[in-house]
């Protein structure tokens, strides 16, 4: 029996080492599963997926068992085409070719070489050092709406909604575009930077304070990209309405 246990543990360790060498890791309780449990525990039935890119977040949430409605927002034409394609067989997943910001109207967007690093803001050198393929290759004008407008137009109750924001340094304008309605959301997940990756972006501490002042508490953090020397540059912060 002891030999079998030692063999099994040795195989598990070898597999984990192989994953780490490939820059991959699989834990006992992945972030997607924990997020799904949080959504269920908080009675969340709708996700506003702001900065959807090609639907990566929505697909992860759906695969983890979230059964509710997802509204994904992506302004880049190519990314939106891919998003619309992957969502077409899911009737509860609606996609919108729009940016979300502080106010409605046209907005200039920098297009990154890797698509998902595209931002309204100029890219900082720290980002280019960590991800050279993210350099901007184009600039386009996109149409923008606000979270506050979306709640009315889509008849969404924020009290049962997760607001997810992944807008590459443009998180604070999205939050400000929610106006007084922000405080009524059940939860907010926002990409947060510890180092300026985009010029003029609001960093981790002020974002955290902004949400805390509106009645949220930090519930979990998931690591994002790191610098070449291993320093953590970004994390996804999940905030829930304080009870």
Protein backbone atom coordinates (compact mmCIF):
# COMPACT_ATOMS: atom_id res chain seq x y z
CA UNK A 1 0.00 0.00 0.00
CA UNK A 2 2.78 2.41 0.99
CA UNK A 3 4.59 1.72 -2.29
CA UNK A 4 1.46 2.49 -4.33
CA UNK A 5 0.95 5.78 -2.47
CA UNK A 6 4.57 6.80 -3.01
CA UNK A 7 4.32 5.91 -6.72
CA UNK A 8 1.09 7.90 -7.13
CA UNK A 9 2.58 10.94 -5.38
CA UNK A 10 5.74 10.72 -7.47
CA UNK A 11 3.66 10.68 -10.66
CA UNK A 12 1.62 13.67 -9.47
CA UNK A 13 4.80 15.60 -8.67
CA UNK A 14 6.30 14.77 -12.07
CA UNK A 15 3.15 15.91 -13.84
CA UNK A 16 3.09 19.16 -11.87
CA UNK A 17 6.72 19.85 -12.70
CA UNK A 18 5.99 19.26 -16.39
CA UNK A 19 3.10 21.74 -16.26
CA UNK A 20 5.24 24.33 -14.52
CA UNK A 21 8.00 23.95 -17.11
CA UNK A 22 5.35 24.68 -19.75
CA UNK A 23 4.24 27.76 -17.74
CA UNK A 24 0.99 25.99 -16.79
CA UNK A 25 -0.52 25.05 -13.47
CA UNK A 26 -3.61 23.16 -12.37
CA UNK A 27 -4.68 23.39 -8.74
CA UNK A 28 -7.19 21.43 -6.71
CA UNK A 29 -9.60 24.36 -6.72
CA UNK A 30 -9.21 26.45 -9.91
CA UNK A 31 -10.24 30.10 -10.00
CA UNK A 32 -13.12 29.41 -12.39
CA UNK A 33 -14.70 26.91 -10.00
CA UNK A 34 -14.35 29.28 -7.05
CA UNK A 35 -15.85 32.15 -9.06
CA UNK A 36 -18.78 29.96 -10.09
CA UNK A 37 -19.45 29.09 -6.43
CA UNK A 38 -19.33 32.78 -5.50
CA UNK A 39 -21.80 33.70 -8.23
CA UNK A 40 -24.16 31.00 -6.99
CA UNK A 41 -23.79 31.93 -3.32
CA UNK A 42 -24.49 35.59 -4.10
CA UNK A 43 -27.55 34.87 -6.22
CA UNK A 44 -25.92 36.31 -9.34
CA UNK A 45 -27.88 35.52 -12.51
CA UNK A 46 -26.32 38.00 -14.96
CA UNK A 47 -22.75 38.84 -16.00
CA UNK A 48 -21.81 42.11 -17.71
CA UNK A 49 -18.59 41.11 -19.47
CA UNK A 50 -16.89 44.43 -20.30
CA UNK A 51 -13.81 43.99 -22.47
CA UNK A 52 -14.75 40.53 -23.68
CA UNK A 53 -12.13 40.20 -26.44
CA UNK A 54 -12.84 36.79 -27.99
CA UNK A 55 -15.00 35.51 -25.14
CA UNK A 56 -12.33 33.97 -22.96
CA UNK A 57 -13.88 34.98 -19.63
CA UNK A 58 -17.44 34.07 -20.64
CA UNK A 59 -16.36 30.65 -21.85
CA UNK A 60 -14.52 29.96 -18.59
CA UNK A 61 -17.52 31.02 -16.50
CA UNK A 62 -19.88 28.94 -18.62
CA UNK A 63 -17.60 25.90 -18.49
CA UNK A 64 -17.48 26.23 -14.71
CA UNK A 65 -21.26 25.85 -14.57
CA UNK A 66 -22.71 29.38 -14.58
CA UNK A 67 -26.22 29.01 -16.13
CA UNK A 68 -27.32 32.64 -16.24
CA UNK A 69 -27.31 35.44 -18.80
CA UNK A 70 -24.04 36.86 -20.13
CA UNK A 71 -23.78 40.18 -21.97
CA UNK A 72 -20.34 40.56 -23.57
CA UNK A 73 -19.02 43.88 -24.89
CA UNK A 74 -16.14 44.07 -27.36
CA UNK A 75 -15.35 47.06 -29.64
CA UNK A 76 -12.61 45.59 -31.88
CA UNK A 77 -14.12 44.31 -35.16
CA UNK A 78 -11.94 41.20 -35.50
CA UNK A 79 -12.23 40.21 -31.85
CA UNK A 80 -15.98 40.83 -31.94
CA UNK A 81 -16.34 38.55 -34.98
CA UNK A 82 -14.60 35.76 -33.08
CA UNK A 83 -16.73 36.49 -30.00
CA UNK A 84 -19.96 36.36 -31.98
CA UNK A 85 -18.89 33.07 -33.53
CA UNK A 86 -18.15 31.26 -30.25
CA UNK A 87 -21.37 32.51 -28.64
CA UNK A 88 -23.78 31.77 -31.47
CA UNK A 89 -25.01 28.45 -30.06
CA UNK A 90 -25.63 29.86 -26.58
CA UNK A 91 -29.00 31.71 -26.47
CA UNK A 92 -28.25 33.16 -23.02
CA UNK A 93 -24.99 34.74 -24.18
CA UNK A 94 -25.56 38.05 -25.96
CA UNK A 95 -22.73 39.97 -27.64
CA UNK A 96 -22.49 43.69 -28.32
CA UNK A 97 -19.98 45.42 -30.63
CA UNK A 98 -19.42 48.32 -28.23
CA UNK A 99 -16.86 49.77 -25.87
CA UNK A 100 -17.91 50.73 -22.34
CA UNK A 101 -16.53 53.84 -20.68
CA UNK A 102 -17.23 56.99 -18.74
CA UNK A 103 -19.63 58.49 -21.28
CA UNK A 104 -21.40 57.49 -24.48
CA UNK A 105 -20.06 58.51 -27.89
CA UNK A 106 -17.09 57.88 -30.19
CA UNK A 107 -13.74 56.94 -28.65
CA UNK A 108 -10.28 56.34 -30.12
CA UNK A 109 -8.84 52.91 -29.32
CA UNK A 110 -5.25 51.71 -29.73
CA UNK A 111 -5.16 48.25 -31.34
CA UNK A 112 -2.49 45.91 -29.93
CA UNK A 113 -0.65 43.28 -31.92
CA UNK A 114 -2.03 40.58 -29.62
CA UNK A 115 -5.58 42.07 -29.66
CA UNK A 116 -6.35 41.61 -25.95
CA UNK A 117 -3.88 44.33 -24.84
CA UNK A 118 -5.72 47.01 -26.85
CA UNK A 119 -6.52 50.13 -24.83
CA UNK A 120 -7.72 53.70 -24.96
CA UNK A 121 -4.54 54.65 -23.09
CA UNK A 122 -0.94 54.78 -24.38
CA UNK A 123 1.02 51.64 -23.50
CA UNK A 124 3.81 51.96 -20.93
CA UNK A 125 7.27 50.48 -21.34
CA UNK A 126 6.70 48.02 -18.47
CA UNK A 127 3.97 46.37 -20.53
CA UNK A 128 6.13 46.18 -23.66
CA UNK A 129 8.96 44.64 -21.65
CA UNK A 130 6.64 41.95 -20.27
CA UNK A 131 4.83 41.29 -23.57
CA UNK A 132 6.66 42.60 -26.67
CA UNK A 133 3.96 41.24 -28.99
CA UNK A 134 1.46 43.65 -27.42
CA UNK A 135 2.84 46.75 -29.19
CA UNK A 136 0.20 48.87 -30.88
CA UNK A 137 -0.30 48.36 -34.60
CA UNK A 138 -3.32 50.57 -35.37
CA UNK A 139 -5.78 53.12 -34.00
CA UNK A 140 -9.52 53.09 -34.65
CA UNK A 141 -12.65 54.93 -33.55
CA UNK A 142 -15.24 52.84 -31.69
CA UNK A 143 -18.67 53.52 -30.25
CA UNK A 144 -18.94 53.69 -26.48
CA UNK A 145 -21.77 53.25 -23.99
CA UNK A 146 -21.84 53.34 -20.18
CA UNK A 147 -22.75 50.80 -17.51
CA UNK A 148 -25.51 53.07 -16.27
CA UNK A 149 -27.08 53.24 -19.73
CA UNK A 150 -26.79 49.47 -20.19
CA UNK A 151 -28.70 48.72 -17.01
CA UNK A 152 -31.69 50.63 -18.36
CA UNK A 153 -31.45 49.51 -21.98
CA UNK A 154 -31.08 45.81 -21.11
CA UNK A 155 -33.42 45.89 -18.08
CA UNK A 156 -30.71 44.49 -15.80
CA UNK A 157 -30.98 44.42 -12.02
CA UNK A 158 -27.49 45.21 -10.65
CA UNK A 159 -28.33 43.49 -7.36
CA UNK A 160 -28.11 40.12 -9.12
CA UNK A 161 -25.27 41.04 -11.52
CA UNK A 162 -21.50 40.65 -11.71
CA UNK A 163 -19.79 43.56 -13.43
CA UNK A 164 -16.56 42.21 -14.93
CA UNK A 165 -14.10 44.80 -16.30
CA UNK A 166 -10.99 43.99 -18.36
CA UNK A 167 -10.21 47.19 -20.24
CA UNK A 168 -6.43 47.44 -20.04
CA UNK A 169 -5.91 50.42 -17.79
CA UNK A 170 -9.29 51.99 -18.53
CA UNK A 171 -11.04 50.44 -15.54
CA UNK A 172 -11.76 53.62 -13.57
CA UNK A 173 -13.68 55.35 -16.41
CA UNK A 174 -15.86 52.23 -16.74
CA UNK A 175 -16.59 52.31 -13.01
CA UNK A 176 -17.33 56.03 -13.14
CA UNK A 177 -19.69 55.42 -16.06
CA UNK A 178 -21.82 53.28 -13.73
CA UNK A 179 -22.59 56.38 -11.65
CA UNK A 180 -24.61 55.81 -8.49
CA UNK A 181 -25.69 52.40 -9.80
CA UNK A 182 -22.26 50.94 -9.07
CA UNK A 183 -23.05 50.56 -5.36
CA UNK A 184 -26.00 48.28 -6.16
CA UNK A 185 -24.05 45.55 -8.01
CA UNK A 186 -23.75 42.20 -6.28
CA UNK A 187 -20.10 41.90 -7.30
CA UNK A 188 -17.40 43.53 -9.41
CA UNK A 189 -14.40 41.80 -10.95
CA UNK A 190 -11.78 44.19 -12.23
CA UNK A 191 -8.29 43.84 -13.68
CA UNK A 192 -5.93 45.72 -11.38
CA UNK A 193 -2.30 46.72 -11.96
CA UNK A 194 0.42 47.09 -9.33
CA UNK A 195 2.70 48.84 -11.83
CA UNK A 196 1.61 51.31 -14.53
CA UNK A 197 1.24 49.26 -17.73
CA UNK A 198 -0.68 52.06 -19.47
CA UNK A 199 0.02 55.76 -19.14
CA UNK A 200 -2.48 57.48 -16.87
CA UNK A 201 -4.14 54.34 -15.55
CA UNK A 202 -5.40 54.10 -11.95
CA UNK A 203 -3.47 51.47 -10.00
CA UNK A 204 -4.47 48.82 -7.45
CA UNK A 205 -4.75 50.85 -4.23
CA UNK A 206 -6.94 53.70 -5.58
CA UNK A 207 -9.19 51.22 -7.41
CA UNK A 208 -9.58 49.18 -4.25
CA UNK A 209 -10.40 52.30 -2.23
CA UNK A 210 -12.91 53.46 -4.86
CA UNK A 211 -14.81 50.19 -4.61
CA UNK A 212 -14.61 49.98 -0.84
CA UNK A 213 -16.12 53.45 -0.52
CA UNK A 214 -19.09 52.18 -2.53
CA UNK A 215 -19.75 49.28 -0.23
CA UNK A 216 -17.58 46.49 -1.65
CA UNK A 217 -14.97 44.29 -0.01
CA UNK A 218 -12.11 42.47 -1.69
CA UNK A 219 -13.10 38.80 -1.88
CA UNK A 220 -10.30 37.20 -3.91
CA UNK A 221 -7.29 37.91 -6.12
CA UNK A 222 -6.04 35.93 -9.10
CA UNK A 223 -2.53 36.59 -10.48
CA UNK A 224 -2.19 38.00 -13.99
CA UNK A 225 0.90 38.80 -16.04
CA UNK A 226 4.36 39.10 -14.50
CA UNK A 227 7.53 40.96 -15.45
CA UNK A 228 10.54 39.09 -16.88
CA UNK A 229 12.07 39.09 -13.38
CA UNK A 230 8.96 37.47 -11.88
CA UNK A 231 7.37 40.57 -10.35
CA UNK A 232 3.55 40.37 -10.43
CA UNK A 233 2.21 43.22 -12.56
CA UNK A 234 -1.53 42.55 -12.61
CA UNK A 235 -4.23 40.63 -10.82
CA UNK A 236 -7.98 40.19 -11.19
CA UNK A 237 -9.68 41.46 -8.06
CA UNK A 238 -13.13 40.12 -7.20
CA UNK A 239 -15.15 42.44 -4.96
CA UNK A 240 -18.48 41.57 -3.40
CA UNK A 241 -21.02 43.82 -1.76
CA UNK A 242 -20.23 43.95 1.94
CA UNK A 243 -22.83 42.40 4.22
